[in-house]
């Protein structure tokens, strides 16, 4: 329909130019916006102001010419008005909005779907926590964002692969093994000191205890160096098992799990550095090996191999992203914690150094989450020691509340997560507010079926009269229909901006309109035709709410 209106305006401009009413070299791009204030039409265009800048003719005069050439009004337009300095406001006939409801019913679960992605391949890498401890709530927010972005991109026609990068190489794995080893010895009566940079928390005790339960004192007198590989493997397996379980409970599924250590085993880090060296972007200085990232806008060059021969994290990250590039994705999206902000120029430099445009890589930063309980900061976790685990939050408030609240704000903005609010069965709880709307709509559908009242698309015995929709004449009914019309635009905009929080804002506004309407109006009453019309409106709202919740990774309850 937007395209139809653009063509109507373009045709009016074309005829005005051919008849000499407007002098212009070419018809400019025509955009349509939805006015923020009521009474300003359904759509507005600023094309008259655009033409005014190039022709020198007052915008309002150009607007008057355009509206004159639009007449006689096409069948879908109720009226055209000029406002302010030259806005052209267009009001559509109610019949168009009624037709929208039929189109939503006909599309069903496909309403909101598009093909702007044209089948292009996108890889979304998210969470990617070190396997040195359980996931914390910050990882949970990254998981929610990555999952919702992936779902959005698929909804608009992209092919998406979700990947978890396992940081299982480097000193952190050594420190984990030493931590478990120290606890193992302590539990068996040794006064072995705990490593200065070791990992604390009861999960380390749990791993050590599991070794004792299975092997007893087998490793008590074994030299520390000989136990490293064994303890590292046991700790890694148990922690990764816990991470995967937590993500599964949250409803987060990955297509692939990529191991950092595989890059070293396959000599991919060496190969990547060698390729950059051949391009002139690697040099040696003060005993270290450096990546000339400053050649691509980074503030300074970066070390990829230290003087002792050990590679830095950057070296394996360069090799990992080279591997991504070689897999042929049209776009690579990384979701990182906000503390990695300074790392962005280095990775963009690596992308360019390998001969790709930096826009090939898109990095989204996810801020940490401040957990509070009735406004007060939550104490640290007993299990993790230094942070609250994602599983603790999910066990307390449920996966739906956790994921939804993580998505209520832009990922790069700070978020206060109140555990008590997330458990409330009230309007204060944002996910409850939306899910209750869906459950209410499901209840109405069940009651209609019980009474044998047909709604388009159902198998109830009563015939459907399309003219019934004309009974939806209240301003709030038309406002709801117009909100439903916006849904495909919201999906596309959220997907293109990689901002799933736009969906939570939309859902709140739509649910507010529904709840407000429900409290004021009877949906099912003695006027059977009006009941049918209102039930059809309710059915279309349910389609949209259910689809949006699915994209966000949240369940759609039929009863609450």
Protein backbone atom coordinates (compact mmCIF):
# COMPACT_ATOMS: atom_id res chain seq x y z
CA UNK A 1 0.00 0.00 0.00
CA UNK A 2 2.87 2.37 0.77
CA UNK A 3 4.18 1.66 -2.69
CA UNK A 4 0.74 2.42 -4.15
CA UNK A 5 0.69 5.82 -2.43
CA UNK A 6 4.23 6.61 -3.57
CA UNK A 7 3.21 5.76 -7.15
CA UNK A 8 0.15 8.00 -6.84
CA UNK A 9 2.32 10.95 -5.75
CA UNK A 10 4.95 10.17 -8.38
CA UNK A 11 2.28 10.05 -11.07
CA UNK A 12 0.88 13.40 -9.90
CA UNK A 13 4.36 14.96 -10.06
CA UNK A 14 4.94 13.48 -13.51
CA UNK A 15 1.74 14.98 -14.91
CA UNK A 16 2.44 18.31 -13.20
CA UNK A 17 5.89 18.43 -14.82
CA UNK A 18 4.65 17.42 -18.28
CA UNK A 19 2.00 20.16 -18.18
CA UNK A 20 4.46 22.79 -16.97
CA UNK A 21 2.97 23.25 -13.50
CA UNK A 22 6.31 22.35 -11.86
CA UNK A 23 9.77 22.75 -13.37
CA UNK A 24 12.15 20.02 -12.23
CA UNK A 25 14.88 17.92 -13.79
CA UNK A 26 13.81 14.66 -12.13
CA UNK A 27 11.20 13.44 -9.73
CA UNK A 28 12.90 13.11 -6.31
CA UNK A 29 12.70 10.10 -4.02
CA UNK A 30 9.36 10.05 -2.25
CA UNK A 31 9.15 8.87 1.34
CA UNK A 32 6.07 8.39 3.49
CA UNK A 33 6.01 8.75 7.25
CA UNK A 34 3.29 8.03 9.76
CA UNK A 35 2.42 11.27 11.62
CA UNK A 36 3.01 11.15 15.36
CA UNK A 37 -0.07 13.19 16.15
CA UNK A 38 -3.65 12.18 15.54
CA UNK A 39 -5.62 14.27 13.10
CA UNK A 40 -2.69 14.63 10.70
CA UNK A 41 -3.76 11.83 8.40
CA UNK A 42 -2.51 8.28 8.12
CA UNK A 43 0.59 9.13 6.11
CA UNK A 44 2.59 12.27 5.36
CA UNK A 45 5.23 13.18 2.80
CA UNK A 46 7.77 16.02 2.72
CA UNK A 47 8.41 15.78 -1.03
CA UNK A 48 7.17 19.35 -1.53
CA UNK A 49 9.88 20.64 0.81
CA UNK A 50 12.48 18.56 -0.98
CA UNK A 51 11.46 20.08 -4.32
CA UNK A 52 11.38 23.57 -2.83
CA UNK A 53 15.12 23.39 -2.12
CA UNK A 54 15.93 22.53 -5.73
CA UNK A 55 13.36 24.69 -7.53
CA UNK A 56 13.19 27.75 -5.28
CA UNK A 57 9.39 27.54 -5.31
CA UNK A 58 7.73 27.74 -1.84
CA UNK A 59 7.03 24.26 -0.49
CA UNK A 60 3.40 25.00 0.27
CA UNK A 61 2.83 26.15 -3.31
CA UNK A 62 4.36 22.89 -4.59
CA UNK A 63 2.19 20.91 -2.16
CA UNK A 64 -0.92 22.62 -3.52
CA UNK A 65 0.10 21.68 -7.09
CA UNK A 66 0.69 18.04 -6.09
CA UNK A 67 -2.66 17.71 -4.31
CA UNK A 68 -4.40 19.28 -7.31
CA UNK A 69 -2.94 16.64 -9.61
CA UNK A 70 -3.84 13.80 -7.26
CA UNK A 71 -7.54 14.46 -7.85
CA UNK A 72 -9.80 12.73 -8.53
CA UNK A 73 -8.87 10.82 -5.41
CA UNK A 74 -7.96 7.15 -5.91
CA UNK A 75 -10.27 4.58 -4.34
CA UNK A 76 -8.13 3.98 -1.25
CA UNK A 77 -7.74 7.69 -0.32
CA UNK A 78 -10.34 9.48 1.80
CA UNK A 79 -8.68 12.88 1.70
CA UNK A 80 -5.47 14.88 1.12
CA UNK A 81 -4.56 17.97 3.14
CA UNK A 82 -1.66 20.41 3.31
CA UNK A 83 -0.24 21.25 6.71
CA UNK A 84 2.42 23.57 8.03
CA UNK A 85 5.13 24.69 5.60
CA UNK A 86 4.26 22.03 3.03
CA UNK A 87 3.50 18.63 4.54
CA UNK A 88 1.05 16.58 2.49
CA UNK A 89 -1.14 14.50 4.80
CA UNK A 90 -3.04 11.57 3.35
CA UNK A 91 -6.00 9.90 5.02
CA UNK A 92 -7.06 6.45 3.83
CA UNK A 93 -10.60 5.12 3.65
CA UNK A 94 -11.75 2.81 6.42
CA UNK A 95 -12.36 0.09 3.83
CA UNK A 96 -8.61 -0.16 3.33
CA UNK A 97 -8.00 -0.76 7.02
CA UNK A 98 -10.73 -3.38 7.12
CA UNK A 99 -9.08 -5.15 4.22
CA UNK A 100 -5.87 -5.23 6.24
CA UNK A 101 -7.51 -7.53 8.79
CA UNK A 102 -8.39 -10.02 6.05
CA UNK A 103 -4.79 -9.90 4.82
CA UNK A 104 -3.42 -10.60 8.31
CA UNK A 105 -5.78 -13.55 8.72
CA UNK A 106 -4.82 -14.87 5.29
CA UNK A 107 -1.08 -14.51 6.02
CA UNK A 108 -1.40 -16.08 9.46
CA UNK A 109 2.00 -16.92 10.92
CA UNK A 110 3.67 -15.45 7.82
CA UNK A 111 2.40 -11.92 8.53
CA UNK A 112 5.42 -9.68 8.98
CA UNK A 113 7.68 -11.90 6.93
CA UNK A 114 9.63 -10.36 4.05
CA UNK A 115 12.54 -11.10 1.75
CA UNK A 116 14.74 -8.04 2.10
CA UNK A 117 17.54 -10.42 3.05
CA UNK A 118 17.27 -12.18 -0.33
CA UNK A 119 18.79 -15.34 1.07
CA UNK A 120 22.13 -13.74 1.94
CA UNK A 121 24.15 -15.61 4.55
CA UNK A 122 24.83 -14.05 7.94
CA UNK A 123 26.74 -15.52 10.82
CA UNK A 124 25.84 -14.32 14.30
CA UNK A 125 28.40 -15.16 16.99
CA UNK A 126 27.27 -14.54 20.54
CA UNK A 127 27.77 -15.47 24.20
CA UNK A 128 31.24 -17.06 23.53
CA UNK A 129 32.10 -17.09 27.22
CA UNK A 130 35.36 -18.59 28.45
CA UNK A 131 34.75 -22.16 29.68
CA UNK A 132 36.18 -21.29 33.07
CA UNK A 133 32.94 -20.89 34.98
CA UNK A 134 29.16 -20.68 34.67
CA UNK A 135 27.45 -18.04 32.55
CA UNK A 136 26.61 -14.79 34.33
CA UNK A 137 23.68 -12.45 33.66
CA UNK A 138 25.77 -10.38 31.25
CA UNK A 139 26.19 -13.48 29.12
CA UNK A 140 22.43 -13.97 29.42
CA UNK A 141 21.76 -10.56 27.96
CA UNK A 142 24.14 -11.29 25.09
CA UNK A 143 22.37 -14.61 24.53
CA UNK A 144 18.95 -12.95 24.42
CA UNK A 145 20.17 -10.26 22.02
CA UNK A 146 21.97 -12.71 19.72
CA UNK A 147 19.01 -15.08 19.60
CA UNK A 148 16.49 -12.30 18.89
CA UNK A 149 18.70 -10.71 16.21
CA UNK A 150 19.12 -14.11 14.53
CA UNK A 151 15.35 -14.67 14.56
CA UNK A 152 14.70 -11.18 13.18
CA UNK A 153 17.16 -11.67 10.33
CA UNK A 154 15.60 -15.01 9.42
CA UNK A 155 12.16 -13.38 9.48
CA UNK A 156 13.20 -10.95 6.76
CA UNK A 157 14.82 -13.48 4.47
CA UNK A 158 18.43 -13.94 5.56
CA UNK A 159 20.03 -17.34 6.10
CA UNK A 160 21.50 -17.26 9.59
CA UNK A 161 24.06 -19.42 11.36
CA UNK A 162 24.37 -19.05 15.13
CA UNK A 163 27.84 -19.78 16.48
CA UNK A 164 29.44 -20.01 19.91
CA UNK A 165 33.22 -19.42 19.98
CA UNK A 166 34.78 -21.46 22.79
CA UNK A 167 37.82 -19.66 24.24
CA UNK A 168 39.52 -22.86 25.31
CA UNK A 169 43.16 -21.90 24.76
CA UNK A 170 45.55 -19.76 26.76
CA UNK A 171 46.31 -19.03 30.39
CA UNK A 172 42.70 -19.04 31.58
CA UNK A 173 42.45 -22.80 31.01
CA UNK A 174 45.73 -23.33 32.85
CA UNK A 175 44.48 -21.25 35.78
CA UNK A 176 41.26 -23.24 35.85
CA UNK A 177 43.13 -26.54 35.98
CA UNK A 178 45.40 -25.22 38.75
CA UNK A 179 42.36 -24.01 40.70
CA UNK A 180 40.70 -27.42 40.55
CA UNK A 181 44.01 -29.12 41.43
CA UNK A 182 44.45 -26.91 44.51
CA UNK A 183 40.91 -27.61 45.71
CA UNK A 184 41.39 -31.33 45.05
CA UNK A 185 44.48 -31.41 47.25
CA UNK A 186 42.87 -29.25 49.94
CA UNK A 187 39.89 -31.60 50.18
CA UNK A 188 42.28 -34.50 50.68
CA UNK A 189 44.11 -32.76 53.54
CA UNK A 190 46.90 -30.91 51.76
CA UNK A 191 47.73 -27.28 52.55
CA UNK A 192 48.33 -26.57 48.85
CA UNK A 193 48.08 -22.83 48.26
CA UNK A 194 45.43 -21.56 45.90
CA UNK A 195 46.76 -19.89 42.71
CA UNK A 196 46.79 -16.11 42.85
CA UNK A 197 44.80 -15.81 39.61
CA UNK A 198 42.69 -18.89 40.27
CA UNK A 199 38.94 -19.20 39.85
CA UNK A 200 36.89 -19.14 43.02
CA UNK A 201 33.36 -20.24 43.67
CA UNK A 202 31.74 -23.48 44.67
CA UNK A 203 31.68 -24.74 41.09
CA UNK A 204 35.46 -25.30 41.35
CA UNK A 205 34.85 -27.27 44.55
CA UNK A 206 32.17 -29.30 42.76
CA UNK A 207 34.59 -30.26 39.98
CA UNK A 208 37.32 -31.23 42.48
CA UNK A 209 34.84 -33.27 44.50
CA UNK A 210 33.66 -35.11 41.36
CA UNK A 211 37.29 -36.16 40.71
CA UNK A 212 37.61 -37.45 44.26
CA UNK A 213 34.31 -39.35 43.96
CA UNK A 214 35.54 -41.04 40.80
CA UNK A 215 39.31 -41.35 41.30
CA UNK A 216 39.87 -40.91 45.03
CA UNK A 217 43.51 -40.04 45.90
CA UNK A 218 44.82 -41.16 42.53
CA UNK A 219 46.34 -37.75 41.73
CA UNK A 220 47.34 -36.74 45.28
CA UNK A 221 51.02 -37.55 44.80
CA UNK A 222 51.11 -36.95 41.04
CA UNK A 223 53.32 -33.99 40.00
CA UNK A 224 51.25 -30.92 39.25
CA UNK A 225 52.50 -30.68 35.67
CA UNK A 226 51.27 -34.21 34.91
CA UNK A 227 47.77 -33.50 36.22
CA UNK A 228 47.30 -30.33 34.18
CA UNK A 229 45.93 -31.96 31.01
CA UNK A 230 43.68 -34.31 32.98
CA UNK A 231 42.23 -31.68 35.31
CA UNK A 232 41.87 -29.19 32.47
CA UNK A 233 39.88 -31.70 30.41
CA UNK A 234 37.61 -32.68 33.32
CA UNK A 235 36.95 -29.05 34.27
CA UNK A 236 36.35 -28.04 30.65
CA UNK A 237 33.87 -30.86 30.05
CA UNK A 238 31.88 -30.15 33.19
CA UNK A 239 31.74 -26.38 32.68
CA UNK A 240 30.84 -26.64 28.99
CA UNK A 241 28.14 -29.15 29.88
CA UNK A 242 26.73 -26.64 32.36
CA UNK A 243 26.91 -23.79 29.86
CA UNK A 244 25.05 -25.80 27.23
CA UNK A 245 22.45 -26.88 29.76
CA UNK A 246 21.87 -23.30 30.92
CA UNK A 247 21.48 -22.08 27.34
CA UNK A 248 19.08 -24.93 26.54
CA UNK A 249 16.96 -24.06 29.57
CA UNK A 250 16.89 -20.47 28.29
CA UNK A 251 15.79 -21.71 24.85
CA UNK A 252 19.02 -20.65 23.11
CA UNK A 253 20.19 -23.07 20.43
CA UNK A 254 23.42 -22.80 18.45
CA UNK A 255 24.11 -24.24 15.01
CA UNK A 256 27.83 -24.60 15.63
CA UNK A 257 30.42 -24.53 18.44
CA UNK A 258 33.87 -23.38 17.33
CA UNK A 259 36.91 -24.20 19.45
CA UNK A 260 39.75 -21.69 19.75
CA UNK A 261 42.20 -24.53 20.40
CA UNK A 262 41.36 -26.00 16.99
CA UNK A 263 42.95 -22.94 15.41
CA UNK A 264 46.27 -23.77 17.03
CA UNK A 265 45.97 -27.50 16.38
CA UNK A 266 45.35 -26.80 12.70
CA UNK A 267 48.17 -24.23 12.45
CA UNK A 268 45.59 -21.60 11.44
CA UNK A 269 47.06 -18.93 13.71
CA UNK A 270 50.50 -19.36 12.16
CA UNK A 271 49.00 -19.29 8.66
CA UNK A 272 47.03 -16.11 9.37
CA UNK A 273 50.04 -14.27 10.74
CA UNK A 274 52.13 -15.46 7.78
CA UNK A 275 49.57 -14.14 5.31
CA UNK A 276 49.50 -10.75 7.02
CA UNK A 277 53.31 -10.74 7.03
CA UNK A 278 53.33 -11.33 3.25
CA UNK A 279 51.06 -8.30 2.90
CA UNK A 280 53.42 -6.14 4.91
CA UNK A 281 51.21 -5.86 8.00
CA UNK A 282 53.36 -7.87 10.40
CA UNK A 283 56.74 -6.77 11.76
CA UNK A 284 59.05 -7.53 14.69
CA UNK A 285 60.18 -5.05 17.28
CA UNK A 286 61.67 -5.40 20.80
CA UNK A 287 61.48 -9.17 20.51
CA UNK A 288 57.71 -9.21 19.88
CA UNK A 289 55.67 -9.68 16.72
CA UNK A 290 53.30 -6.80 15.89
CA UNK A 291 50.21 -6.32 13.71
CA UNK A 292 50.31 -2.98 11.88
CA UNK A 293 46.69 -2.19 12.78
CA UNK A 294 47.40 1.57 12.81
CA UNK A 295 47.46 1.38 8.99
CA UNK A 296 43.69 0.83 9.18
CA UNK A 297 42.73 3.47 11.72
CA UNK A 298 43.60 1.79 15.02
CA UNK A 299 45.26 4.15 17.50
CA UNK A 300 48.41 2.04 17.65
CA UNK A 301 49.88 -1.26 16.45
CA UNK A 302 49.14 -4.42 18.44
CA UNK A 303 51.25 -7.34 19.66
CA UNK A 304 50.21 -10.73 18.26
CA UNK A 305 53.11 -12.74 19.71
CA UNK A 306 54.99 -11.80 22.83
CA UNK A 307 58.72 -12.03 23.37
CA UNK A 308 58.39 -15.41 25.08
CA UNK A 309 56.82 -16.82 21.92
CA UNK A 310 53.30 -16.98 23.32
CA UNK A 311 50.51 -15.74 21.06
CA UNK A 312 48.13 -13.06 22.35
CA UNK A 313 44.35 -13.36 22.25
CA UNK A 314 44.38 -11.03 19.25
CA UNK A 315 46.34 -13.57 17.20
CA UNK A 316 43.74 -16.31 17.60
CA UNK A 317 40.91 -13.80 17.09
CA UNK A 318 42.51 -12.76 13.80
CA UNK A 319 42.74 -16.39 12.72
CA UNK A 320 39.14 -17.02 13.82
CA UNK A 321 37.80 -14.11 11.79
CA UNK A 322 39.88 -15.14 8.80
CA UNK A 323 38.17 -18.52 9.10
CA UNK A 324 34.78 -16.78 9.14
CA UNK A 325 35.67 -14.82 6.02
CA UNK A 326 36.74 -17.99 4.25
CA UNK A 327 33.40 -19.60 5.04
CA UNK A 328 31.82 -17.10 2.67
CA UNK A 329 29.30 -15.26 4.85
CA UNK A 330 27.88 -12.08 3.35
CA UNK A 331 27.87 -10.48 6.80
CA UNK A 332 29.55 -11.34 10.09
CA UNK A 333 27.95 -10.15 13.33
CA UNK A 334 29.74 -10.40 16.69
CA UNK A 335 28.01 -9.64 19.98
CA UNK A 336 30.53 -8.70 22.65
CA UNK A 337 30.49 -7.41 26.19
CA UNK A 338 30.82 -3.65 26.45
CA UNK A 339 34.27 -4.03 28.05
CA UNK A 340 35.57 -5.09 24.61
CA UNK A 341 34.86 -1.68 23.07
CA UNK A 342 38.53 -0.91 22.52
CA UNK A 343 38.94 -4.20 20.67
CA UNK A 344 36.68 -3.16 17.79
CA UNK A 345 39.27 -1.16 15.75
CA UNK A 346 41.71 -4.10 15.88
CA UNK A 347 39.26 -6.58 14.45
CA UNK A 348 38.08 -4.12 11.81
CA UNK A 349 41.74 -3.60 10.92
CA UNK A 350 42.19 -7.37 10.56
CA UNK A 351 39.18 -7.61 8.27
CA UNK A 352 40.59 -4.88 6.02
CA UNK A 353 44.09 -6.35 6.14
CA UNK A 354 42.73 -9.56 4.63
CA UNK A 355 41.25 -7.51 1.77
CA UNK A 356 37.61 -7.19 2.86
CA UNK A 357 35.60 -4.02 3.58
CA UNK A 358 35.31 -3.34 7.30
CA UNK A 359 31.52 -3.18 6.97
CA UNK A 360 31.68 -6.95 6.44
CA UNK A 361 32.00 -7.15 10.22
CA UNK A 362 29.36 -5.68 12.51
CA UNK A 363 30.03 -5.65 16.24
CA UNK A 364 27.26 -5.09 18.76
CA UNK A 365 28.19 -4.27 22.34
CA UNK A 366 26.06 -5.58 25.18
CA UNK A 367 26.25 -3.75 28.48
CA UNK A 368 26.30 -5.52 31.81
CA UNK A 369 23.10 -6.00 33.79
CA UNK A 370 22.63 -4.53 37.26
CA UNK A 371 20.65 -7.03 39.30
CA UNK A 372 18.50 -5.47 42.00
CA UNK A 373 15.82 -6.66 44.36
CA UNK A 374 13.19 -4.02 45.05
CA UNK A 375 15.71 -1.39 44.00
CA UNK A 376 18.63 -2.69 46.09
CA UNK A 377 21.73 -4.35 44.60
CA UNK A 378 21.74 -8.14 44.82
CA UNK A 379 24.50 -9.82 46.81
CA UNK A 380 27.11 -11.88 44.99
CA UNK A 381 26.46 -15.47 44.00
CA UNK A 382 27.35 -18.30 46.37
CA UNK A 383 28.01 -20.57 43.40
CA UNK A 384 30.17 -18.30 41.26
CA UNK A 385 31.68 -16.21 44.02
CA UNK A 386 32.19 -13.02 42.05
CA UNK A 387 28.98 -12.70 40.03
CA UNK A 388 25.35 -13.84 39.75
CA UNK A 389 24.94 -16.75 37.38
CA UNK A 390 22.44 -16.78 34.55
CA UNK A 391 21.01 -20.05 35.86
CA UNK A 392 20.31 -18.52 39.27
CA UNK A 393 18.28 -15.78 37.60
CA UNK A 394 16.41 -18.21 35.35
CA UNK A 395 15.64 -20.52 38.26
CA UNK A 396 14.17 -17.59 40.20
CA UNK A 397 12.19 -15.69 37.55
CA UNK A 398 11.91 -18.14 34.64
CA UNK A 399 13.46 -18.01 31.16
CA UNK A 400 10.65 -15.92 29.63
CA UNK A 401 11.00 -13.06 32.11
CA UNK A 402 14.80 -13.17 31.90
CA UNK A 403 14.99 -13.08 28.10
CA UNK A 404 12.25 -10.50 27.67
CA UNK A 405 13.61 -8.07 30.26
CA UNK A 406 17.09 -8.39 28.74
CA UNK A 407 15.52 -7.15 25.49
CA UNK A 408 13.58 -4.18 26.83
CA UNK A 409 16.40 -1.74 26.16
CA UNK A 410 19.10 -1.21 23.56
CA UNK A 411 21.89 -3.74 24.15
CA UNK A 412 24.48 -0.96 24.54
CA UNK A 413 22.51 0.78 27.30
CA UNK A 414 22.65 -0.04 31.00
CA UNK A 415 19.85 -2.23 32.34
CA UNK A 416 18.56 -2.55 35.89
CA UNK A 417 16.93 -5.96 36.29
CA UNK A 418 14.64 -6.13 39.35
CA UNK A 419 14.15 -9.77 40.32
CA UNK A 420 11.01 -9.05 42.33
CA UNK A 421 9.36 -7.16 39.47
CA UNK A 422 10.21 -10.03 37.11
CA UNK A 423 8.22 -12.43 39.31
CA UNK A 424 5.10 -10.29 39.69
CA UNK A 425 1.83 -11.27 38.04
CA UNK A 426 1.00 -7.62 37.38
CA UNK A 427 1.32 -4.83 34.86
CA UNK A 428 4.68 -3.90 36.40
CA UNK A 429 6.20 -7.05 34.92
CA UNK A 430 6.72 -6.32 31.21
CA UNK A 431 6.65 -9.93 30.01
CA UNK A 432 3.59 -10.77 32.12
CA UNK A 433 1.82 -7.76 30.61
CA UNK A 434 2.41 -9.07 27.07
CA UNK A 435 1.83 -12.75 27.78
CA UNK A 436 -1.38 -11.96 29.61
CA UNK A 437 -2.61 -10.12 26.52
CA UNK A 438 -1.95 -13.24 24.45
CA UNK A 439 -3.66 -15.49 27.00
CA UNK A 440 -6.66 -13.14 27.12
CA UNK A 441 -7.01 -13.32 23.34
CA UNK A 442 -6.77 -17.11 23.46
CA UNK A 443 -9.52 -17.16 26.09
CA UNK A 444 -11.78 -15.05 23.87
CA UNK A 445 -11.20 -17.45 20.98
CA UNK A 446 -12.14 -20.43 23.16
CA UNK A 447 -15.30 -18.71 24.36
CA UNK A 448 -16.29 -17.87 20.78
CA UNK A 449 -15.76 -21.46 19.71
CA UNK A 450 -17.79 -22.66 22.68
CA UNK A 451 -20.67 -20.45 21.54
CA UNK A 452 -20.29 -21.50 17.91
CA UNK A 453 -19.43 -17.99 16.71
CA UNK A 454 -17.44 -18.04 13.47
CA UNK A 455 -14.42 -15.88 12.77
CA UNK A 456 -12.74 -15.91 9.39
CA UNK A 457 -10.36 -18.81 9.18
CA UNK A 458 -12.17 -20.94 11.77
CA UNK A 459 -14.40 -23.97 11.23
CA UNK A 460 -17.36 -22.71 13.26
CA UNK A 461 -20.76 -23.23 11.57
CA UNK A 462 -21.86 -19.58 11.23
CA UNK A 463 -21.16 -17.95 7.82
CA UNK A 464 -18.79 -14.98 7.64
CA UNK A 465 -19.96 -11.65 6.26
CA UNK A 466 -17.07 -9.40 5.16
CA UNK A 467 -19.27 -6.34 5.57
CA UNK A 468 -19.38 -7.03 9.29
CA UNK A 469 -16.02 -5.28 9.71
CA UNK A 470 -17.69 -1.94 9.03
CA UNK A 471 -19.00 -2.24 12.58
CA UNK A 472 -15.43 -1.57 13.79
CA UNK A 473 -16.01 2.16 13.78
CA UNK A 474 -14.64 3.22 17.16
CA UNK A 475 -11.46 5.34 17.04
CA UNK A 476 -9.63 2.87 19.30
CA UNK A 477 -10.54 0.01 16.95
CA UNK A 478 -9.07 1.80 13.97
CA UNK A 479 -6.00 2.76 16.03
CA UNK A 480 -5.39 -0.92 16.80
CA UNK A 481 -5.74 -1.87 13.13
CA UNK A 482 -3.23 0.79 12.20
CA UNK A 483 -0.80 -0.54 14.81
CA UNK A 484 -1.16 -4.00 13.30
CA UNK A 485 -0.43 -2.55 9.86
CA UNK A 486 2.87 -1.21 11.21
CA UNK A 487 4.13 -4.62 12.32
CA UNK A 488 5.96 -5.62 9.09
CA UNK A 489 7.69 -2.22 9.07
CA UNK A 490 8.72 -2.67 12.70
CA UNK A 491 10.18 -6.09 11.91
CA UNK A 492 12.18 -4.80 8.94
CA UNK A 493 13.44 -1.74 10.81
CA UNK A 494 14.46 -3.82 13.85
CA UNK A 495 16.25 -6.35 11.62
CA UNK A 496 18.09 -3.71 9.61
CA UNK A 497 19.16 -1.80 12.75
CA UNK A 498 19.87 -5.05 14.67
CA UNK A 499 17.76 -3.69 17.52
CA UNK A 500 15.28 -6.25 18.91
CA UNK A 501 14.24 -3.87 21.68
CA UNK A 502 12.08 -2.12 19.07
CA UNK A 503 9.83 -5.17 19.18
CA UNK A 504 9.37 -4.99 22.95
CA UNK A 505 8.38 -1.32 22.64
CA UNK A 506 5.90 -2.18 19.89
CA UNK A 507 4.46 -5.09 21.89
CA UNK A 508 3.93 -2.91 24.95
CA UNK A 509 2.07 -0.28 22.93
CA UNK A 510 -0.08 -2.88 21.16
CA UNK A 511 -0.87 -4.71 24.41
CA UNK A 512 -1.71 -1.44 26.12
CA UNK A 513 -4.18 -0.66 23.33
CA UNK A 514 -5.71 -4.11 23.66
CA UNK A 515 -6.05 -4.06 27.46
CA UNK A 516 -7.49 -0.55 27.39
CA UNK A 517 -10.00 -1.54 24.70
CA UNK A 518 -10.95 -4.77 26.51
CA UNK A 519 -11.74 -2.93 29.75
CA UNK A 520 -14.04 -0.47 27.96
CA UNK A 521 -15.80 -2.68 25.42
CA UNK A 522 -17.59 -6.02 25.46
CA UNK A 523 -16.08 -8.29 22.83
CA UNK A 524 -18.71 -11.01 22.95
CA UNK A 525 -22.29 -9.82 23.42
CA UNK A 526 -25.80 -10.22 21.98
CA UNK A 527 -24.99 -8.30 18.77
CA UNK A 528 -23.63 -11.26 16.84
CA UNK A 529 -22.30 -9.25 13.87
CA UNK A 530 -20.43 -6.77 16.05
CA UNK A 531 -19.12 -9.72 18.09
CA UNK A 532 -17.78 -11.34 14.91
CA UNK A 533 -16.07 -8.12 13.85
CA UNK A 534 -14.43 -7.64 17.23
CA UNK A 535 -13.37 -11.28 17.42
CA UNK A 536 -11.67 -10.93 14.06
CA UNK A 537 -9.81 -7.90 15.37
CA UNK A 538 -8.79 -9.90 18.42
CA UNK A 539 -7.60 -12.77 16.24
CA UNK A 540 -5.31 -10.52 14.23
CA UNK A 541 -3.84 -9.03 17.41
CA UNK A 542 -3.13 -12.54 18.67
CA UNK A 543 -1.33 -13.43 15.42
CA UNK A 544 0.97 -10.43 15.77
CA UNK A 545 1.69 -10.79 19.49
CA UNK A 546 2.43 -14.50 19.09
CA UNK A 547 4.81 -13.88 16.21
CA UNK A 548 6.68 -11.10 18.00
CA UNK A 549 7.08 -13.17 21.17
CA UNK A 550 8.40 -16.07 19.11
CA UNK A 551 11.03 -13.81 17.53
CA UNK A 552 12.07 -12.66 21.00
CA UNK A 553 12.41 -16.26 22.16
CA UNK A 554 9.50 -16.04 24.61
CA UNK A 555 6.63 -18.53 24.97
CA UNK A 556 3.03 -17.71 24.01
CA UNK A 557 0.78 -19.01 26.81
CA UNK A 558 -2.83 -19.88 25.98
CA UNK A 559 -3.82 -19.70 29.65
CA UNK A 560 -2.47 -17.78 32.65
